[in-house]
Amino acid sequence: MLATINNGLSGTGKPESVFISWLLWQPRGADLAVEALKEMQKLSRYEGSDPDIARLRSLFASLAGADGPLH
């Protein structure tokens, strides 16, 4: 889905599935909070365009500590 988002099209995966996939692809020892902030910045371009993107961004914000705990 992230590749689809980068092309400006709405994704087909559930935000939670995309988030888990992203987590699994992070290298061992990566600072997940810092990496999540980077993803938030990427997704901010699409803010308000798709509820799935907003949900995905909120998941990254929670991981980064910018939006409270994950729920």
C-alpha atoms as a PDB file:
ATOM      1  CA  MET A   1       0.000   0.000   0.000  1.00  0.00           C
ATOM      2  CA  LEU A   2       2.816   2.432   0.743  1.00  0.00           C
ATOM      3  CA  ALA A   3       3.995   2.154  -2.846  1.00  0.00           C
ATOM      4  CA  THR A   4       0.441   2.817  -3.950  1.00  0.00           C
ATOM      5  CA  ILE A   5       0.214   5.852  -1.680  1.00  0.00           C
ATOM      6  CA  ASN A   6       3.454   7.191  -3.122  1.00  0.00           C
ATOM      7  CA  ASN A   7       1.830   7.031  -6.559  1.00  0.00           C
ATOM      8  CA  GLY A   8      -1.079   9.146  -5.302  1.00  0.00           C
ATOM      9  CA  LEU A   9      -3.642   6.356  -5.438  1.00  0.00           C
ATOM     10  CA  SER A  10      -5.753   5.007  -2.614  1.00  0.00           C
ATOM     11  CA  GLY A  11      -4.348   1.789  -1.140  1.00  0.00           C
ATOM     12  CA  THR A  12      -6.118  -1.517  -1.017  1.00  0.00           C
ATOM     13  CA  GLY A  13      -4.628  -2.927   2.208  1.00  0.00           C
ATOM     14  CA  LYS A  14      -6.009  -2.322   5.649  1.00  0.00           C
ATOM     15  CA  PRO A  15      -3.981   0.296   7.536  1.00  0.00           C
ATOM     16  CA  GLU A  16      -3.214  -2.167  10.328  1.00  0.00           C
ATOM     17  CA  SER A  17      -1.865  -4.728   7.828  1.00  0.00           C
ATOM     18  CA  VAL A  18       0.326  -2.114   6.184  1.00  0.00           C
ATOM     19  CA  PHE A  19       1.598  -0.985   9.577  1.00  0.00           C
ATOM     20  CA  ILE A  20       2.482  -4.548  10.654  1.00  0.00           C
ATOM     21  CA  SER A  21       4.228  -5.183   7.338  1.00  0.00           C
ATOM     22  CA  TRP A  22       6.211  -1.991   7.759  1.00  0.00           C
ATOM     23  CA  LEU A  23       7.226  -3.055  11.280  1.00  0.00           C
ATOM     24  CA  LEU A  24       8.391  -6.445  10.054  1.00  0.00           C
ATOM     25  CA  TRP A  25      10.573  -4.858   7.354  1.00  0.00           C
ATOM     26  CA  GLN A  26      12.443  -2.582   9.762  1.00  0.00           C
ATOM     27  CA  PRO A  27      16.060  -3.585  10.275  1.00  0.00           C
ATOM     28  CA  ARG A  28      17.133  -4.960  13.631  1.00  0.00           C
ATOM     29  CA  GLY A  29      18.132  -2.140  15.934  1.00  0.00           C
ATOM     30  CA  ALA A  30      16.223   0.539  14.018  1.00  0.00           C
ATOM     31  CA  ASP A  31      14.833   3.405  16.079  1.00  0.00           C
ATOM     32  CA  LEU A  32      11.169   2.718  15.385  1.00  0.00           C
ATOM     33  CA  ALA A  33       9.996   6.046  16.795  1.00  0.00           C
ATOM     34  CA  VAL A  34      12.296   7.953  14.436  1.00  0.00           C
ATOM     35  CA  GLU A  35      11.323   5.794  11.468  1.00  0.00           C
ATOM     36  CA  ALA A  36       7.625   6.222  12.313  1.00  0.00           C
ATOM     37  CA  LEU A  37       8.080  10.008  12.312  1.00  0.00           C
ATOM     38  CA  LYS A  38       9.558   9.764   8.820  1.00  0.00           C
ATOM     39  CA  GLU A  39       6.514   7.811   7.641  1.00  0.00           C
ATOM     40  CA  MET A  40       4.207  10.377   9.242  1.00  0.00           C
ATOM     41  CA  GLN A  41       5.940  13.115   7.264  1.00  0.00           C
ATOM     42  CA  LYS A  42       5.499  11.148   4.034  1.00  0.00           C
ATOM     43  CA  LEU A  43       1.815  10.553   4.752  1.00  0.00           C
ATOM     44  CA  SER A  44       1.109  14.158   5.746  1.00  0.00           C
ATOM     45  CA  ARG A  45       0.944  15.047   2.033  1.00  0.00           C
ATOM     46  CA  TYR A  46      -2.218  12.960   1.807  1.00  0.00           C
ATOM     47  CA  GLU A  47      -3.873  14.215   4.992  1.00  0.00           C
ATOM     48  CA  GLY A  48      -7.638  14.380   4.622  1.00  0.00           C
ATOM     49  CA  SER A  49      -7.659  12.528   1.302  1.00  0.00           C
ATOM     50  CA  ASP A  50      -8.461   9.021   2.554  1.00  0.00           C
ATOM     51  CA  PRO A  51      -9.614   7.657   5.931  1.00  0.00           C
ATOM     52  CA  ASP A  52      -7.286   4.655   5.563  1.00  0.00           C
ATOM     53  CA  ILE A  53      -4.309   6.973   5.177  1.00  0.00           C
ATOM     54  CA  ALA A  54      -5.424   8.933   8.232  1.00  0.00           C
ATOM     55  CA  ARG A  55      -5.661   5.684  10.227  1.00  0.00           C
ATOM     56  CA  LEU A  56      -2.220   4.561   9.029  1.00  0.00           C
ATOM     57  CA  ARG A  57      -0.747   7.920   9.968  1.00  0.00           C
ATOM     58  CA  SER A  58      -2.312   7.656  13.430  1.00  0.00           C
ATOM     59  CA  LEU A  59      -0.716   4.227  13.909  1.00  0.00           C
ATOM     60  CA  PHE A  60       2.683   5.698  13.072  1.00  0.00           C
ATOM     61  CA  ALA A  61       1.985   8.639  15.383  1.00  0.00           C
ATOM     62  CA  SER A  62       1.202   6.263  18.233  1.00  0.00           C
ATOM     63  CA  LEU A  63       4.443   4.373  17.677  1.00  0.00           C
ATOM     64  CA  ALA A  64       6.375   7.630  17.560  1.00  0.00           C
ATOM     65  CA  GLY A  65       4.810   8.688  20.859  1.00  0.00           C
ATOM     66  CA  ALA A  66       3.109  11.658  19.231  1.00  0.00           C
ATOM     67  CA  ASP A  67      -0.465  10.428  19.588  1.00  0.00           C
ATOM     68  CA  GLY A  68      -0.854   8.385  22.773  1.00  0.00           C
ATOM     69  CA  PRO A  69      -0.962   4.592  22.968  1.00  0.00           C
ATOM     70  CA  LEU A  70      -1.954   2.251  20.151  1.00  0.00           C
ATOM     71  CA  HIS A  71      -5.510   0.975  20.394  1.00  0.00           C
END
